[in-house]
PDB file of N, CA and C in Angstrom:
ATOM      1  N   MET A   1      -9.382  12.137  15.887  1.00  0.00           N
ATOM      2  CA  MET A   1      -8.701  11.445  16.951  1.00  0.00           C
ATOM      3  C   MET A   1      -9.632  11.167  18.112  1.00  0.00           C
ATOM      4  N   ASP A   2     -10.555  12.089  18.393  1.00  0.00           N
ATOM      5  CA  ASP A   2     -11.487  11.865  19.488  1.00  0.00           C
ATOM      6  C   ASP A   2     -12.369  10.655  19.231  1.00  0.00           C
ATOM      7  N   GLY A   3     -12.688  10.417  17.969  1.00  0.00           N
ATOM      8  CA  GLY A   3     -13.472   9.233  17.641  1.00  0.00           C
ATOM      9  C   GLY A   3     -12.727   7.958  17.953  1.00  0.00           C
ATOM     10  N   ALA A   4     -11.413   7.966  17.722  1.00  0.00           N
ATOM     11  CA  ALA A   4     -10.609   6.788  18.034  1.00  0.00           C
ATOM     12  C   ALA A   4     -10.551   6.564  19.538  1.00  0.00           C
ATOM     13  N   ARG A   5     -10.432   7.638  20.307  1.00  0.00           N
ATOM     14  CA  ARG A   5     -10.398   7.496  21.770  1.00  0.00           C
ATOM     15  C   ARG A   5     -11.713   6.966  22.288  1.00  0.00           C
ATOM     16  N   SER A   6     -12.813   7.421  21.720  1.00  0.00           N
ATOM     17  CA  SER A   6     -14.114   6.959  22.205  1.00  0.00           C
ATOM     18  C   SER A   6     -14.343   5.493  21.881  1.00  0.00           C
ATOM     19  N   ARG A   7     -13.666   4.979  20.862  1.00  0.00           N
ATOM     20  CA  ARG A   7     -13.781   3.552  20.528  1.00  0.00           C
ATOM     21  C   ARG A   7     -12.762   2.715  21.280  1.00  0.00           C
ATOM     22  N   GLY A   8     -11.924   3.352  22.093  1.00  0.00           N
ATOM     23  CA  GLY A   8     -10.957   2.615  22.892  1.00  0.00           C
ATOM     24  C   GLY A   8      -9.669   2.285  22.162  1.00  0.00           C
ATOM     25  N   ILE A   9      -9.379   2.961  21.063  1.00  0.00           N
ATOM     26  CA  ILE A   9      -8.142   2.730  20.321  1.00  0.00           C
ATOM     27  C   ILE A   9      -7.054   3.584  20.940  1.00  0.00           C
ATOM     28  N   PRO A  10      -5.946   2.970  21.404  1.00  0.00           N
ATOM     29  CA  PRO A  10      -4.889   3.764  22.034  1.00  0.00           C
ATOM     30  C   PRO A  10      -4.142   4.605  21.011  1.00  0.00           C
ATOM     31  N   PRO A  11      -3.517   5.704  21.449  1.00  0.00           N
ATOM     32  CA  PRO A  11      -2.717   6.513  20.525  1.00  0.00           C
ATOM     33  C   PRO A  11      -1.525   5.736  19.991  1.00  0.00           C
ATOM     34  N   LYS A  12      -1.003   6.190  18.859  1.00  0.00           N
ATOM     35  CA  LYS A  12       0.092   5.494  18.180  1.00  0.00           C
ATOM     36  C   LYS A  12       1.299   5.292  19.092  1.00  0.00           C
ATOM     37  N   ASP A  13       1.667   6.309  19.866  1.00  0.00           N
ATOM     38  CA  ASP A  13       2.838   6.202  20.732  1.00  0.00           C
ATOM     39  C   ASP A  13       2.650   5.179  21.840  1.00  0.00           C
ATOM     40  N   ALA A  14       1.423   4.961  22.256  1.00  0.00           N
ATOM     41  CA  ALA A  14       1.175   3.970  23.301  1.00  0.00           C
ATOM     42  C   ALA A  14       1.415   2.557  22.780  1.00  0.00           C
ATOM     43  N   ILE A  15       1.213   2.349  21.511  1.00  0.00           N
ATOM     44  CA  ILE A  15       1.408   1.019  20.921  1.00  0.00           C
ATOM     45  C   ILE A  15       2.880   0.784  20.608  1.00  0.00           C
ATOM     46  N   THR A  16       3.537   1.756  20.015  1.00  0.00           N
ATOM     47  CA  THR A  16       4.909   1.574  19.535  1.00  0.00           C
ATOM     48  C   THR A  16       5.963   2.035  20.521  1.00  0.00           C
ATOM     49  N   GLY A  17       5.574   2.697  21.587  1.00  0.00           N
ATOM     50  CA  GLY A  17       6.536   3.200  22.542  1.00  0.00           C
ATOM     51  C   GLY A  17       7.316   4.390  22.015  1.00  0.00           C
ATOM     52  N   GLY A  18       6.845   5.042  20.965  1.00  0.00           N
ATOM     53  CA  GLY A  18       7.513   6.206  20.417  1.00  0.00           C
ATOM     54  C   GLY A  18       8.618   5.883  19.425  1.00  0.00           C
ATOM     55  N   PHE A  19       8.842   4.616  19.109  1.00  0.00           N
ATOM     56  CA  PHE A  19       9.911   4.243  18.190  1.00  0.00           C
ATOM     57  C   PHE A  19       9.454   4.150  16.741  1.00  0.00           C
ATOM     58  N   SER A  20       8.211   4.405  16.480  1.00  0.00           N
ATOM     59  CA  SER A  20       7.665   4.211  15.141  1.00  0.00           C
ATOM     60  C   SER A  20       8.314   5.111  14.096  1.00  0.00           C
ATOM     61  N   ASP A  21       8.578   6.365  14.438  1.00  0.00           N
ATOM     62  CA  ASP A  21       9.149   7.288  13.451  1.00  0.00           C
ATOM     63  C   ASP A  21      10.547   6.853  13.034  1.00  0.00           C
ATOM     64  N   GLY A  22      11.362   6.450  13.976  1.00  0.00           N
ATOM     65  CA  GLY A  22      12.702   5.960  13.651  1.00  0.00           C
ATOM     66  C   GLY A  22      12.652   4.666  12.863  1.00  0.00           C
ATOM     67  N   ALA A  23      11.704   3.805  13.212  1.00  0.00           N
ATOM     68  CA  ALA A  23      11.549   2.547  12.484  1.00  0.00           C
ATOM     69  C   ALA A  23      11.084   2.805  11.057  1.00  0.00           C
ATOM     70  N   ASP A  24      10.214   3.790  10.877  1.00  0.00           N
ATOM     71  CA  ASP A  24       9.768   4.145   9.528  1.00  0.00           C
ATOM     72  C   ASP A  24      10.950   4.633   8.691  1.00  0.00           C
ATOM     73  N   PHE A  25      11.793   5.483   9.278  1.00  0.00           N
ATOM     74  CA  PHE A  25      12.970   6.003   8.580  1.00  0.00           C
ATOM     75  C   PHE A  25      13.875   4.850   8.141  1.00  0.00           C
ATOM     76  N   PHE A  26      14.153   3.938   9.047  1.00  0.00           N
ATOM     77  CA  PHE A  26      14.991   2.781   8.738  1.00  0.00           C
ATOM     78  C   PHE A  26      14.342   1.905   7.666  1.00  0.00           C
ATOM     79  N   THR A  27      13.032   1.753   7.728  1.00  0.00           N
ATOM     80  CA  THR A  27      12.320   0.912   6.765  1.00  0.00           C
ATOM     81  C   THR A  27      12.410   1.473   5.353  1.00  0.00           C
ATOM     82  N   TYR A  28      12.299   2.796   5.210  1.00  0.00           N
ATOM     83  CA  TYR A  28      12.422   3.405   3.877  1.00  0.00           C
ATOM     84  C   TYR A  28      13.811   3.154   3.293  1.00  0.00           C
ATOM     85  N   ILE A  29      14.837   3.304   4.122  1.00  0.00           N
ATOM     86  CA  ILE A  29      16.204   3.068   3.649  1.00  0.00           C
ATOM     87  C   ILE A  29      16.392   1.596   3.279  1.00  0.00           C
ATOM     88  N   LEU A  30      15.929   0.710   4.128  1.00  0.00           N
ATOM     89  CA  LEU A  30      16.061  -0.725   3.865  1.00  0.00           C
ATOM     90  C   LEU A  30      15.289  -1.135   2.615  1.00  0.00           C
ATOM     91  N   ALA A  31      14.097  -0.596   2.444  1.00  0.00           N
ATOM     92  CA  ALA A  31      13.308  -0.918   1.251  1.00  0.00           C
ATOM     93  C   ALA A  31      14.016  -0.438  -0.011  1.00  0.00           C
ATOM     94  N   GLY A  32      14.563   0.771   0.019  1.00  0.00           N
ATOM     95  CA  GLY A  32      15.301   1.280  -1.133  1.00  0.00           C
ATOM     96  C   GLY A  32      16.507   0.414  -1.451  1.00  0.00           C
ATOM     97  N   LEU A  33      17.226   0.003  -0.419  1.00  0.00           N
ATOM     98  CA  LEU A  33      18.388  -0.857  -0.611  1.00  0.00           C
ATOM     99  C   LEU A  33      17.991  -2.197  -1.229  1.00  0.00           C
ATOM    100  N   LEU A  34      16.958  -2.818  -0.694  1.00  0.00           N
ATOM    101  CA  LEU A  34      16.541  -4.130  -1.213  1.00  0.00           C
ATOM    102  C   LEU A  34      16.005  -4.042  -2.635  1.00  0.00           C
ATOM    103  N   ILE A  35      15.235  -3.001  -2.933  1.00  0.00           N
ATOM    104  CA  ILE A  35      14.738  -2.829  -4.304  1.00  0.00           C
ATOM    105  C   ILE A  35      15.911  -2.625  -5.253  1.00  0.00           C
ATOM    106  N   GLY A  36      16.879  -1.797  -4.846  1.00  0.00           N
ATOM    107  CA  GLY A  36      18.052  -1.563  -5.682  1.00  0.00           C
ATOM    108  C   GLY A  36      18.852  -2.831  -5.921  1.00  0.00           C
ATOM    109  N   LEU A  37      19.048  -3.625  -4.874  1.00  0.00           N
ATOM    110  CA  LEU A  37      19.782  -4.889  -5.036  1.00  0.00           C
ATOM    111  C   LEU A  37      19.059  -5.839  -5.985  1.00  0.00           C
ATOM    112  N   LEU A  38      17.736  -5.913  -5.833  1.00  0.00           N
ATOM    113  CA  LEU A  38      16.950  -6.783  -6.709  1.00  0.00           C
ATOM    114  C   LEU A  38      17.037  -6.329  -8.166  1.00  0.00           C
ATOM    115  N   LEU A  39      16.880  -5.035  -8.385  1.00  0.00           N
ATOM    116  CA  LEU A  39      16.935  -4.529  -9.761  1.00  0.00           C
ATOM    117  C   LEU A  39      18.334  -4.673 -10.358  1.00  0.00           C
ATOM    118  N   ASP A  40      19.366  -4.487  -9.540  1.00  0.00           N
ATOM    119  CA  ASP A  40      20.734  -4.701 -10.026  1.00  0.00           C
ATOM    120  C   ASP A  40      20.945  -6.150 -10.437  1.00  0.00           C
ATOM    121  N   ARG A  41      20.402  -7.049  -9.652  1.00  0.00           N
ATOM    122  CA  ARG A  41      20.548  -8.473  -9.974  1.00  0.00           C
ATOM    123  C   ARG A  41      19.818  -8.818 -11.274  1.00  0.00           C
ATOM    124  N   LEU A  42      18.637  -8.202 -11.464  1.00  0.00           N
ATOM    125  CA  LEU A  42      17.845  -8.490 -12.660  1.00  0.00           C
ATOM    126  C   LEU A  42      18.431  -7.842 -13.917  1.00  0.00           C
ATOM    127  N   THR A  43      18.991  -6.638 -13.769  1.00  0.00           N
ATOM    128  CA  THR A  43      19.466  -5.913 -14.948  1.00  0.00           C
ATOM    129  C   THR A  43      20.966  -6.018 -15.174  1.00  0.00           C
ATOM    130  N   GLY A  44      21.729  -6.327 -14.122  1.00  0.00           N
ATOM    131  CA  GLY A  44      23.172  -6.418 -14.248  1.00  0.00           C
ATOM    132  C   GLY A  44      23.863  -5.063 -14.242  1.00  0.00           C
ATOM    133  N   TRP A  45      23.202  -4.021 -13.759  1.00  0.00           N
ATOM    134  CA  TRP A  45      23.761  -2.679 -13.737  1.00  0.00           C
ATOM    135  C   TRP A  45      24.483  -2.368 -12.432  1.00  0.00           C
ATOM    136  N   SER A  46      24.922  -3.348 -11.727  1.00  0.00           N
ATOM    137  CA  SER A  46      25.504  -3.180 -10.396  1.00  0.00           C
ATOM    138  C   SER A  46      26.610  -2.142 -10.401  1.00  0.00           C
ATOM    139  N   PRO A  47      26.692  -1.290  -9.461  1.00  0.00           N
ATOM    140  CA  PRO A  47      25.860  -0.949  -8.305  1.00  0.00           C
ATOM    141  C   PRO A  47      24.982   0.278  -8.523  1.00  0.00           C
ATOM    142  N   VAL A  48      24.714   0.628  -9.768  1.00  0.00           N
ATOM    143  CA  VAL A  48      24.007   1.880 -10.082  1.00  0.00           C
ATOM    144  C   VAL A  48      22.631   1.936  -9.431  1.00  0.00           C
ATOM    145  N   LEU A  49      21.832   0.905  -9.595  1.00  0.00           N
ATOM    146  CA  LEU A  49      20.472   0.939  -9.064  1.00  0.00           C
ATOM    147  C   LEU A  49      20.443   0.802  -7.549  1.00  0.00           C
ATOM    148  N   THR A  50      21.394   0.080  -6.975  1.00  0.00           N
ATOM    149  CA  THR A  50      21.461  -0.022  -5.512  1.00  0.00           C
ATOM    150  C   THR A  50      21.731   1.348  -4.899  1.00  0.00           C
ATOM    151  N   ILE A  51      22.672   2.071  -5.466  1.00  0.00           N
ATOM    152  CA  ILE A  51      22.990   3.408  -4.953  1.00  0.00           C
ATOM    153  C   ILE A  51      21.814   4.346  -5.168  1.00  0.00           C
ATOM    154  N   THR A  52      21.215   4.308  -6.345  1.00  0.00           N
ATOM    155  CA  THR A  52      20.094   5.191  -6.663  1.00  0.00           C
ATOM    156  C   THR A  52      18.920   4.958  -5.726  1.00  0.00           C
ATOM    157  N   TRP A  53      18.512   3.701  -5.578  1.00  0.00           N
ATOM    158  CA  TRP A  53      17.359   3.396  -4.726  1.00  0.00           C
ATOM    159  C   TRP A  53      17.661   3.613  -3.251  1.00  0.00           C
ATOM    160  N   SER A  54      18.901   3.392  -2.837  1.00  0.00           N
ATOM    161  CA  SER A  54      19.264   3.678  -1.444  1.00  0.00           C
ATOM    162  C   SER A  54      19.168   5.171  -1.172  1.00  0.00           C
ATOM    163  N   LEU A  55      19.654   5.987  -2.093  1.00  0.00           N
ATOM    164  CA  LEU A  55      19.551   7.433  -1.935  1.00  0.00           C
ATOM    165  C   LEU A  55      18.093   7.893  -1.947  1.00  0.00           C
ATOM    166  N   MET A  56      17.278   7.257  -2.772  1.00  0.00           N
ATOM    167  CA  MET A  56      15.854   7.592  -2.783  1.00  0.00           C
ATOM    168  C   MET A  56      15.209   7.218  -1.451  1.00  0.00           C
ATOM    169  N   GLY A  57      15.584   6.076  -0.875  1.00  0.00           N
ATOM    170  CA  GLY A  57      15.070   5.675   0.434  1.00  0.00           C
ATOM    171  C   GLY A  57      15.475   6.655   1.518  1.00  0.00           C
ATOM    172  N   ILE A  58      16.724   7.110   1.482  1.00  0.00           N
ATOM    173  CA  ILE A  58      17.194   8.102   2.450  1.00  0.00           C
ATOM    174  C   ILE A  58      16.423   9.414   2.272  1.00  0.00           C
ATOM    175  N   GLY A  59      16.215   9.806   1.018  1.00  0.00           N
ATOM    176  CA  GLY A  59      15.478  11.037   0.746  1.00  0.00           C
ATOM    177  C   GLY A  59      14.042  10.975   1.227  1.00  0.00           C
ATOM    178  N   VAL A  60      13.358   9.894   0.921  1.00  0.00           N
ATOM    179  CA  VAL A  60      11.963   9.751   1.339  1.00  0.00           C
ATOM    180  C   VAL A  60      11.873   9.654   2.861  1.00  0.00           C
ATOM    181  N   GLY A  61      12.773   8.887   3.481  1.00  0.00           N
ATOM    182  CA  GLY A  61      12.776   8.784   4.934  1.00  0.00           C
ATOM    183  C   GLY A  61      13.034  10.125   5.598  1.00  0.00           C
ATOM    184  N   SER A  62      13.964  10.897   5.066  1.00  0.00           N
ATOM    185  CA  SER A  62      14.263  12.219   5.619  1.00  0.00           C
ATOM    186  C   SER A  62      13.086  13.164   5.448  1.00  0.00           C
ATOM    187  N   TRP A  63      12.462  13.124   4.297  1.00  0.00           N
ATOM    188  CA  TRP A  63      11.307  13.979   4.046  1.00  0.00           C
ATOM    189  C   TRP A  63      10.165  13.631   5.003  1.00  0.00           C
ATOM    190  N   ARG A  64       9.905  12.338   5.192  1.00  0.00           N
ATOM    191  CA  ARG A  64       8.834  11.923   6.102  1.00  0.00           C
ATOM    192  C   ARG A  64       9.135  12.328   7.541  1.00  0.00           C
ATOM    193  N   MET A  65      10.406  12.229   7.947  1.00  0.00           N
ATOM    194  CA  MET A  65      10.780  12.662   9.287  1.00  0.00           C
ATOM    195  C   MET A  65      10.589  14.177   9.431  1.00  0.00           C
ATOM    196  N   TRP A  66      10.913  14.937   8.396  1.00  0.00           N
ATOM    197  CA  TRP A  66      10.729  16.376   8.435  1.00  0.00           C
ATOM    198  C   TRP A  66       9.245  16.720   8.555  1.00  0.00           C
ATOM    199  N   VAL A  67       8.402  16.045   7.778  1.00  0.00           N
ATOM    200  CA  VAL A  67       6.964  16.285   7.842  1.00  0.00           C
ATOM    201  C   VAL A  67       6.437  15.943   9.237  1.00  0.00           C
ATOM    202  N   ARG A  68       6.899  14.828   9.790  1.00  0.00           N
ATOM    203  CA  ARG A  68       6.454  14.424  11.125  1.00  0.00           C
ATOM    204  C   ARG A  68       6.910  15.431  12.187  1.00  0.00           C
ATOM    205  N   SER A  69       8.151  15.879  12.109  1.00  0.00           N
ATOM    206  CA  SER A  69       8.641  16.842  13.095  1.00  0.00           C
ATOM    207  C   SER A  69       7.908  18.172  12.963  1.00  0.00           C
ATOM    208  N   ARG A  70       7.570  18.539  11.738  1.00  0.00           N
ATOM    209  CA  ARG A  70       6.816  19.772  11.517  1.00  0.00           C
ATOM    210  C   ARG A  70       5.428  19.668  12.147  1.00  0.00           C
ATOM    211  N   SER A  71       4.783  18.505  12.030  1.00  0.00           N
ATOM    212  CA  SER A  71       3.458  18.345  12.632  1.00  0.00           C
ATOM    213  C   SER A  71       3.548  18.353  14.154  1.00  0.00           C
ATOM    214  N   ILE A  72       4.623  17.822  14.716  1.00  0.00           N
ATOM    215  CA  ILE A  72       4.812  17.867  16.165  1.00  0.00           C
ATOM    216  C   ILE A  72       4.998  19.311  16.620  1.00  0.00           C
ATOM    217  N   GLU A  73       5.782  20.082  15.863  1.00  0.00           N
ATOM    218  CA  GLU A  73       5.963  21.496  16.191  1.00  0.00           C
ATOM    219  C   GLU A  73       4.647  22.255  16.109  1.00  0.00           C
ATOM    220  N   ASP A  74       3.852  21.979  15.100  1.00  0.00           N
ATOM    221  CA  ASP A  74       2.573  22.662  14.949  1.00  0.00           C
ATOM    222  C   ASP A  74       1.622  22.297  16.087  1.00  0.00           C
ATOM    223  N   ASP A  75       1.637  21.029  16.516  1.00  0.00           N
ATOM    224  CA  ASP A  75       0.780  20.599  17.621  1.00  0.00           C
ATOM    225  C   ASP A  75       1.198  21.263  18.932  1.00  0.00           C
ATOM    226  N   ALA A  76       2.500  21.458  19.119  1.00  0.00           N
ATOM    227  CA  ALA A  76       3.005  22.007  20.362  1.00  0.00           C
ATOM    228  C   ALA A  76       3.048  23.523  20.365  1.00  0.00           C
ATOM    229  N   GLU A  77       2.676  24.146  19.288  1.00  0.00           N
ATOM    230  CA  GLU A  77       2.779  25.599  19.166  1.00  0.00           C
ATOM    231  C   GLU A  77       1.970  26.324  20.227  1.00  0.00           C
ATOM    232  N   GLY A  78       0.809  25.830  20.555  1.00  0.00           N
ATOM    233  CA  GLY A  78      -0.053  26.501  21.523  1.00  0.00           C
ATOM    234  C   GLY A  78       0.175  26.067  22.952  1.00  0.00           C
ATOM    235  N   ILE A  79       1.100  25.169  23.202  1.00  0.00           N
ATOM    236  CA  ILE A  79       1.345  24.663  24.546  1.00  0.00           C
ATOM    237  C   ILE A  79       2.482  25.468  25.185  1.00  0.00           C
ATOM    238  N   SER A  80       2.270  25.930  26.414  1.00  0.00           N
ATOM    239  CA  SER A  80       3.275  26.776  27.062  1.00  0.00           C
ATOM    240  C   SER A  80       4.305  25.974  27.847  1.00  0.00           C
ATOM    241  N   HIS A  81       4.081  24.698  28.124  1.00  0.00           N
ATOM    242  CA  HIS A  81       4.990  23.838  28.873  1.00  0.00           C
ATOM    243  C   HIS A  81       5.310  24.401  30.245  1.00  0.00           C
ATOM    244  N   GLY A  82       4.344  25.077  30.866  1.00  0.00           N
ATOM    245  CA  GLY A  82       4.490  25.569  32.229  1.00  0.00           C
ATOM    246  C   GLY A  82       5.263  26.855  32.363  1.00  0.00           C
ATOM    247  N   VAL A  83       5.596  27.486  31.264  1.00  0.00           N
ATOM    248  CA  VAL A  83       6.369  28.731  31.341  1.00  0.00           C
ATOM    249  C   VAL A  83       5.419  29.904  31.369  1.00  0.00           C
TER     250      VAL A  83
END
């Protein structure tokens, strides 16, 4: 990260305003839904693949949010926040 700062690259939150994690979660769900709809249209198995891929999108989005929150907790572990 220090290398990025020395090259003048702003941190991720400065670019996205902190909304990136929520947008990523929504994107995984939307991608799963669209893939499921496309596969249902191609195979005629409606709504089996839409439900399956939507649930997979929710699962992947939730897992990624958990990993991100865990990394935030690990980063903040050594910070006392003025206490």
